Amino acid sequence: QVKVVESGGGLVQPGESLRLSCTASGSGNRIYAMGWYRRAPGRQRELVAAITGSGKTSLADPLKDRFTITREAGKNTMYLQMNSLKPEDTAVYYCTADLSCLTVVNGNGDSWGQGTQVTVSS
């Protein structure tokens, strides 16, 4: 069982930035693949970005010019830098972690954070 905790959400105006953080805590010195998902009311959960234990990344195409996913090398800590935020980015952002990068990308793992609210409004 992996404990996942994310933070960094808040209320910002369009065009501003936020940096989300997530830490996964498991047993031993295992390095997890990690990812960010978001869910807005009335919409299905969607993958925002994912990163492998070695640092390979993937990002949803519409977000590639504005969002960046990174991680601390050798650690289970990752970040989502969100720039030029838009109202449509408003959602609860969730972090997930798993030994399998496929599980993270598929979004069917068992280890999720509680979510952090991002609200973009003028």
C-alpha atoms as a PDB file:
ATOM      1  CA  GLN A   1       0.000   0.000   0.000  1.00  0.00           C
ATOM      2  CA  VAL A   2       1.333   3.376  -1.040  1.00  0.00           C
ATOM      3  CA  LYS A   3       0.405   6.594   0.691  1.00  0.00           C
ATOM      4  CA  VAL A   4      -0.049   9.455  -1.746  1.00  0.00           C
ATOM      5  CA  VAL A   5      -0.372  13.087  -0.740  1.00  0.00           C
ATOM      6  CA  GLU A   6      -0.743  16.044  -3.083  1.00  0.00           C
ATOM      7  CA  SER A   7      -0.857  19.750  -2.417  1.00  0.00           C
ATOM      8  CA  GLY A   8      -0.484  23.135  -4.027  1.00  0.00           C
ATOM      9  CA  GLY A   9      -3.932  23.881  -5.337  1.00  0.00           C
ATOM     10  CA  GLY A  10      -5.663  27.163  -4.867  1.00  0.00           C
ATOM     11  CA  LEU A  11      -7.657  29.972  -6.387  1.00  0.00           C
ATOM     12  CA  VAL A  12      -5.957  31.937  -9.139  1.00  0.00           C
ATOM     13  CA  GLN A  13      -6.916  34.251 -11.941  1.00  0.00           C
ATOM     14  CA  PRO A  14      -6.661  33.289 -15.604  1.00  0.00           C
ATOM     15  CA  GLY A  15      -3.105  33.530 -16.852  1.00  0.00           C
ATOM     16  CA  GLU A  16      -1.532  32.871 -13.480  1.00  0.00           C
ATOM     17  CA  SER A  17       0.443  29.815 -12.424  1.00  0.00           C
ATOM     18  CA  LEU A  18       0.352  27.091  -9.829  1.00  0.00           C
ATOM     19  CA  ARG A  19       2.762  24.352  -8.882  1.00  0.00           C
ATOM     20  CA  LEU A  20       1.317  21.133  -7.529  1.00  0.00           C
ATOM     21  CA  SER A  21       3.363  18.705  -5.481  1.00  0.00           C
ATOM     22  CA  CYS A  22       2.889  15.038  -4.752  1.00  0.00           C
ATOM     23  CA  THR A  23       4.749  12.622  -2.547  1.00  0.00           C
ATOM     24  CA  ALA A  24       4.283   8.855  -2.543  1.00  0.00           C
ATOM     25  CA  SER A  25       5.405   6.862   0.463  1.00  0.00           C
ATOM     26  CA  GLY A  26       5.829   3.120   0.201  1.00  0.00           C
ATOM     27  CA  SER A  27       8.029   0.435   1.630  1.00  0.00           C
ATOM     28  CA  GLY A  28      11.724   0.161   1.039  1.00  0.00           C
ATOM     29  CA  ASN A  29      13.514   2.235  -1.550  1.00  0.00           C
ATOM     30  CA  ARG A  30      11.220   1.579  -4.483  1.00  0.00           C
ATOM     31  CA  ILE A  31      10.779   4.260  -7.097  1.00  0.00           C
ATOM     32  CA  TYR A  32       7.252   4.635  -8.395  1.00  0.00           C
ATOM     33  CA  ALA A  33       5.789   5.784 -11.621  1.00  0.00           C
ATOM     34  CA  MET A  34       3.518   8.686 -10.840  1.00  0.00           C
ATOM     35  CA  GLY A  35       0.861  10.706 -12.539  1.00  0.00           C
ATOM     36  CA  TRP A  36      -1.599  13.539 -12.340  1.00  0.00           C
ATOM     37  CA  TYR A  37      -5.286  13.254 -13.119  1.00  0.00           C
ATOM     38  CA  ARG A  38      -8.033  15.788 -12.832  1.00  0.00           C
ATOM     39  CA  ARG A  39     -11.776  15.689 -12.558  1.00  0.00           C
ATOM     40  CA  ALA A  40     -14.189  18.523 -13.110  1.00  0.00           C
ATOM     41  CA  PRO A  41     -17.875  18.359 -12.160  1.00  0.00           C
ATOM     42  CA  GLY A  42     -19.879  16.613 -14.830  1.00  0.00           C
ATOM     43  CA  ARG A  43     -16.796  15.290 -16.592  1.00  0.00           C
ATOM     44  CA  GLN A  44     -14.922  12.040 -16.425  1.00  0.00           C
ATOM     45  CA  ARG A  45     -11.526  11.842 -14.841  1.00  0.00           C
ATOM     46  CA  GLU A  46      -8.781  12.599 -17.321  1.00  0.00           C
ATOM     47  CA  LEU A  47      -5.071  12.012 -17.393  1.00  0.00           C
ATOM     48  CA  VAL A  48      -3.047  15.200 -17.220  1.00  0.00           C
ATOM     49  CA  ALA A  49       0.500  13.909 -17.128  1.00  0.00           C
ATOM     50  CA  ALA A  50       2.580  10.930 -16.101  1.00  0.00           C
ATOM     51  CA  ILE A  51       6.209  10.304 -15.319  1.00  0.00           C
ATOM     52  CA  THR A  52       8.160   7.091 -14.948  1.00  0.00           C
ATOM     53  CA  GLY A  53      10.621   6.331 -12.225  1.00  0.00           C
ATOM     54  CA  SER A  54      13.425   7.220 -14.614  1.00  0.00           C
ATOM     55  CA  GLY A  55      11.888  10.523 -15.617  1.00  0.00           C
ATOM     56  CA  LYS A  56      10.193   9.787 -18.924  1.00  0.00           C
ATOM     57  CA  THR A  57       7.110  11.938 -19.262  1.00  0.00           C
ATOM     58  CA  SER A  58       3.843  12.090 -21.085  1.00  0.00           C
ATOM     59  CA  LEU A  59       1.403  14.951 -21.154  1.00  0.00           C
ATOM     60  CA  ALA A  60      -2.068  15.425 -22.529  1.00  0.00           C
ATOM     61  CA  ASP A  61      -1.707  17.071 -25.929  1.00  0.00           C
ATOM     62  CA  PRO A  62      -3.793  20.184 -25.198  1.00  0.00           C
ATOM     63  CA  LEU A  63      -1.674  20.903 -22.120  1.00  0.00           C
ATOM     64  CA  LYS A  64       1.830  20.408 -23.457  1.00  0.00           C
ATOM     65  CA  ASP A  65       2.478  24.094 -24.018  1.00  0.00           C
ATOM     66  CA  ARG A  66       1.387  25.124 -20.547  1.00  0.00           C
ATOM     67  CA  PHE A  67       2.001  22.260 -18.121  1.00  0.00           C
ATOM     68  CA  THR A  68       5.213  20.512 -17.147  1.00  0.00           C
ATOM     69  CA  ILE A  69       5.640  17.390 -15.059  1.00  0.00           C
ATOM     70  CA  THR A  70       8.887  16.737 -13.219  1.00  0.00           C
ATOM     71  CA  ARG A  71      10.170  14.666 -10.342  1.00  0.00           C
ATOM     72  CA  GLU A  72      12.995  14.625  -7.880  1.00  0.00           C
ATOM     73  CA  ALA A  73      15.598  12.192  -9.158  1.00  0.00           C
ATOM     74  CA  GLY A  74      15.619   9.006  -7.140  1.00  0.00           C
ATOM     75  CA  LYS A  75      12.671  10.102  -5.027  1.00  0.00           C
ATOM     76  CA  ASN A  76       8.930   9.642  -5.055  1.00  0.00           C
ATOM     77  CA  THR A  77       8.189  13.307  -5.252  1.00  0.00           C
ATOM     78  CA  MET A  78       6.825  14.946  -8.361  1.00  0.00           C
ATOM     79  CA  TYR A  79       5.487  18.282  -9.449  1.00  0.00           C
ATOM     80  CA  LEU A  80       3.086  19.717 -11.948  1.00  0.00           C
ATOM     81  CA  GLN A  81       3.928  23.222 -13.055  1.00  0.00           C
ATOM     82  CA  MET A  82       0.826  24.815 -14.498  1.00  0.00           C
ATOM     83  CA  ASN A  83       1.269  28.063 -16.370  1.00  0.00           C
ATOM     84  CA  SER A  84      -1.179  30.299 -18.191  1.00  0.00           C
ATOM     85  CA  LEU A  85      -4.058  28.743 -16.344  1.00  0.00           C
ATOM     86  CA  LYS A  86      -7.492  28.892 -17.885  1.00  0.00           C
ATOM     87  CA  PRO A  87     -10.955  28.556 -16.356  1.00  0.00           C
ATOM     88  CA  GLU A  88     -11.299  25.167 -18.022  1.00  0.00           C
ATOM     89  CA  ASP A  89      -8.381  23.950 -15.911  1.00  0.00           C
ATOM     90  CA  THR A  90     -10.604  24.199 -12.859  1.00  0.00           C
ATOM     91  CA  ALA A  91     -10.823  20.742 -11.325  1.00  0.00           C
ATOM     92  CA  VAL A  92      -9.742  18.568  -8.472  1.00  0.00           C
ATOM     93  CA  TYR A  93      -6.275  17.303  -9.279  1.00  0.00           C
ATOM     94  CA  TYR A  94      -5.298  13.846  -8.087  1.00  0.00           C
ATOM     95  CA  CYS A  95      -1.953  12.169  -7.798  1.00  0.00           C
ATOM     96  CA  THR A  96      -1.447   8.455  -8.292  1.00  0.00           C
ATOM     97  CA  ALA A  97       1.568   6.207  -7.927  1.00  0.00           C
ATOM     98  CA  ASP A  98       2.374   2.642  -8.863  1.00  0.00           C
ATOM     99  CA  LEU A  99       5.326   0.428  -9.655  1.00  0.00           C
ATOM    100  CA  SER A 100       3.876   0.020 -13.139  1.00  0.00           C
ATOM    101  CA  CYS A 101       3.856   2.999 -15.472  1.00  0.00           C
ATOM    102  CA  LEU A 102       1.051   1.342 -17.419  1.00  0.00           C
ATOM    103  CA  THR A 103      -1.087   1.288 -14.309  1.00  0.00           C
ATOM    104  CA  VAL A 104      -0.494   4.991 -13.834  1.00  0.00           C
ATOM    105  CA  VAL A 105      -1.363   5.801 -17.433  1.00  0.00           C
ATOM    106  CA  ASN A 106      -4.445   3.597 -17.346  1.00  0.00           C
ATOM    107  CA  GLY A 107      -5.562   5.158 -14.097  1.00  0.00           C
ATOM    108  CA  ASN A 108      -6.612   1.882 -12.543  1.00  0.00           C
ATOM    109  CA  GLY A 109      -4.217   1.723  -9.644  1.00  0.00           C
ATOM    110  CA  ASP A 110      -5.123   1.603  -5.984  1.00  0.00           C
ATOM    111  CA  SER A 111      -2.956   4.402  -4.660  1.00  0.00           C
ATOM    112  CA  TRP A 112      -4.439   7.872  -4.940  1.00  0.00           C
ATOM    113  CA  GLY A 113      -4.222  11.093  -3.045  1.00  0.00           C
ATOM    114  CA  GLN A 114      -7.228  12.921  -1.698  1.00  0.00           C
ATOM    115  CA  GLY A 115      -7.009  15.569  -4.374  1.00  0.00           C
ATOM    116  CA  THR A 116      -6.221  19.253  -4.387  1.00  0.00           C
ATOM    117  CA  GLN A 117      -8.631  21.838  -5.729  1.00  0.00           C
ATOM    118  CA  VAL A 118      -7.530  24.142  -8.503  1.00  0.00           C
ATOM    119  CA  THR A 119      -9.886  26.980  -9.303  1.00  0.00           C
ATOM    120  CA  VAL A 120      -9.199  29.435 -12.090  1.00  0.00           C
ATOM    121  CA  SER A 121     -11.587  32.330 -12.092  1.00  0.00           C
ATOM    122  CA  SER A 122     -11.620  36.029 -12.774  1.00  0.00           C
END
